[in-house]
Protein backbone atom coordinates (compact mmCIF):
# COMPACT_ATOMS: atom_id res chain seq x y z
CA MET A 1 95.18 142.23 82.31
CA PRO A 2 93.44 139.52 84.37
CA LYS A 3 93.85 139.53 88.13
CA MET A 4 96.46 137.12 89.46
CA ILE A 5 96.35 135.16 92.70
CA PHE A 6 99.51 134.58 94.73
CA VAL A 7 99.04 132.12 97.59
CA ASN A 8 101.93 132.46 100.05
CA LEU A 9 102.73 129.26 101.96
CA PRO A 10 105.31 128.83 104.72
CA VAL A 11 107.33 125.65 104.20
CA THR A 12 109.87 123.89 106.39
CA ASP A 13 112.00 122.48 103.55
CA LEU A 14 111.98 124.64 100.41
CA LYS A 15 113.64 122.08 98.12
CA ARG A 16 111.23 119.32 99.19
CA ALA A 17 108.22 121.63 98.82
CA THR A 18 109.38 122.81 95.38
CA ALA A 19 109.83 119.22 94.17
CA PHE A 20 106.39 118.31 95.54
CA TYR A 21 104.61 121.12 93.69
CA GLU A 22 106.52 120.36 90.49
CA ALA A 23 105.35 116.74 90.81
CA VAL A 24 101.69 117.83 90.94
CA GLY A 25 102.06 119.99 87.84
CA ALA A 26 103.23 123.45 88.91
CA VAL A 27 106.26 124.98 87.17
CA LYS A 28 108.92 126.91 89.06
CA ASN A 29 109.44 130.47 87.83
CA PRO A 30 113.12 131.24 88.47
CA GLN A 31 112.54 134.98 88.02
CA PHE A 32 110.77 135.10 91.40
CA SER A 33 112.64 132.28 93.16
CA ASP A 34 115.78 132.19 95.28
CA GLU A 35 117.12 130.31 98.31
CA THR A 36 114.21 131.64 100.42
CA ALA A 37 111.30 131.32 97.99
CA SER A 38 109.98 129.34 95.04
CA CYS A 39 107.33 130.82 92.78
CA MET A 40 105.25 127.88 91.57
CA VAL A 41 103.04 128.58 88.54
CA PHE A 42 99.76 126.68 88.20
CA SER A 43 98.39 128.87 85.39
CA GLU A 44 98.76 132.35 83.92
CA THR A 45 96.84 133.70 86.91
CA ILE A 46 97.50 131.33 89.84
CA PHE A 47 100.80 131.12 91.69
CA ALA A 48 101.92 129.51 94.95
CA MET A 49 104.78 131.30 96.64
CA LEU A 50 106.61 128.77 98.78
CA LEU A 51 108.48 130.67 101.48
CA THR A 52 110.93 129.56 104.13
CA HIS A 53 109.66 130.38 107.62
CA ASP A 54 112.22 133.21 107.95
CA LYS A 55 111.03 134.73 104.67
CA PHE A 56 107.34 134.28 105.58
CA ARG A 57 107.90 136.08 108.89
CA GLN A 58 109.01 139.19 106.96
CA PHE A 59 105.41 139.65 105.81
CA THR A 60 103.46 139.14 109.03
CA PRO A 61 103.91 139.68 112.76
CA LYS A 62 101.56 136.76 113.50
CA PRO A 63 102.92 133.33 114.39
CA ILE A 64 103.04 130.70 111.66
CA ALA A 65 100.34 128.11 112.22
CA ASP A 66 101.15 124.42 111.95
CA ALA A 67 99.08 123.35 108.95
CA ARG A 68 99.20 119.75 110.18
CA THR A 69 97.14 120.64 113.26
CA SER A 70 95.04 123.64 112.19
CA ASN A 71 93.46 125.13 109.06
CA GLN A 72 92.97 128.73 108.16
CA VAL A 73 92.18 128.24 104.48
CA LEU A 74 91.43 125.43 102.06
CA PHE A 75 92.77 125.72 98.53
CA CYS A 76 91.08 124.20 95.50
CA LEU A 77 92.27 123.67 91.93
CA SER A 78 89.98 122.94 89.02
CA ALA A 79 90.58 119.92 86.83
CA ASP A 80 89.55 119.20 83.24
CA SER A 81 88.02 115.78 83.96
CA ARG A 82 87.36 113.16 86.63
CA SER A 83 90.48 111.29 85.52
CA ASP A 84 92.50 114.52 85.78
CA VAL A 85 91.37 114.81 89.43
CA ASP A 86 92.59 111.27 90.11
CA ASP A 87 95.85 111.91 88.26
CA ILE A 88 96.70 115.06 90.25
CA VAL A 89 95.90 113.43 93.60
CA GLY A 90 97.92 110.36 92.57
CA LYS A 91 100.91 112.54 91.70
CA ALA A 92 100.62 114.29 95.07
CA ALA A 93 100.66 110.98 96.93
CA ALA A 94 103.61 109.69 94.88
CA ALA A 95 105.54 112.89 95.67
CA GLY A 96 105.17 112.46 99.44
CA GLY A 97 101.78 114.03 100.06
CA VAL A 98 98.71 112.49 101.65
CA ALA A 99 95.88 111.51 99.32
CA ASP A 100 92.27 112.15 100.35
CA PRO A 101 92.60 113.66 103.83
CA SER A 102 89.05 114.93 103.28
CA PRO A 103 86.03 112.96 102.05
CA LYS A 104 85.56 112.71 98.28
CA ASP A 105 82.88 114.84 96.62
CA GLU A 106 80.88 112.62 94.31
CA TYR A 107 77.89 114.07 92.49
CA SER A 108 76.60 113.58 88.96
CA PHE A 109 77.91 117.03 87.98
CA MET A 110 80.99 117.23 90.24
CA TYR A 111 83.86 115.05 91.38
CA GLY A 112 86.43 116.12 93.90
CA ARG A 113 89.29 114.72 95.91
CA SER A 114 91.99 116.27 98.07
CA PHE A 115 95.63 116.05 99.01
CA GLU A 116 97.85 117.38 101.75
CA ASP A 117 101.36 118.63 100.93
CA PRO A 118 104.38 117.68 103.07
CA ASP A 119 103.82 120.76 105.26
CA GLY A 120 100.17 119.91 105.89
CA HIS A 121 98.54 122.44 103.52
CA MET A 122 95.33 120.94 102.16
CA TRP A 123 94.31 121.26 98.52
CA GLY A 124 91.09 120.19 96.87
CA VAL A 125 90.99 119.16 93.21
CA ASN A 126 87.57 119.37 91.58
CA TRP A 127 86.01 118.72 88.20
CA MET A 128 82.57 120.20 87.49
CA ASP A 129 80.15 120.00 84.61
CA LEU A 130 78.61 123.44 85.08
CA ALA A 131 75.89 122.79 82.48
CA ALA A 132 74.67 119.83 84.53
CA ALA A 133 74.94 121.54 87.92
CA PRO A 134 71.60 121.74 89.71
CA LEU A 135 70.10 125.05 90.67
CA GLN A 136 69.21 123.94 94.22
CA PRO A 137 70.62 126.35 96.82
CA GLU A 138 71.93 123.49 99.00
CA MET A 139 74.12 122.29 96.12
CA ALA A 140 75.58 125.73 95.43
CA ASN A 141 78.11 125.14 98.21
CA ALA A 142 78.93 121.55 97.20
């Protein structure tokens, strides 16, 4: 069985956050959702668990950071094409997110944009042509 990734995100308004992630293409899994959490499925292996602040606090003694003013992680989703990148970011903006809070990545082998969800969590969306990717070490992190 492949490894699965569950990203747990604290959200201030669970219904709004759920609708936002549905708008950008995730599907809510009711089996792992209730009034305190929505399990949003991006693929067979990638899930975003949207948790109310009270629910999130059950898993950590640390304070919840305000994602609008600080970053601890940056998330990135792969896309099938350059137009798919634009489509996902467009859907995020139409659903109440912020399009392109970070600079665009524009290379011959890679195209990337970003969006911020209503709680300030930043997501990158990238398309890459791995066969055309250069072998230069400085581009390995691009």
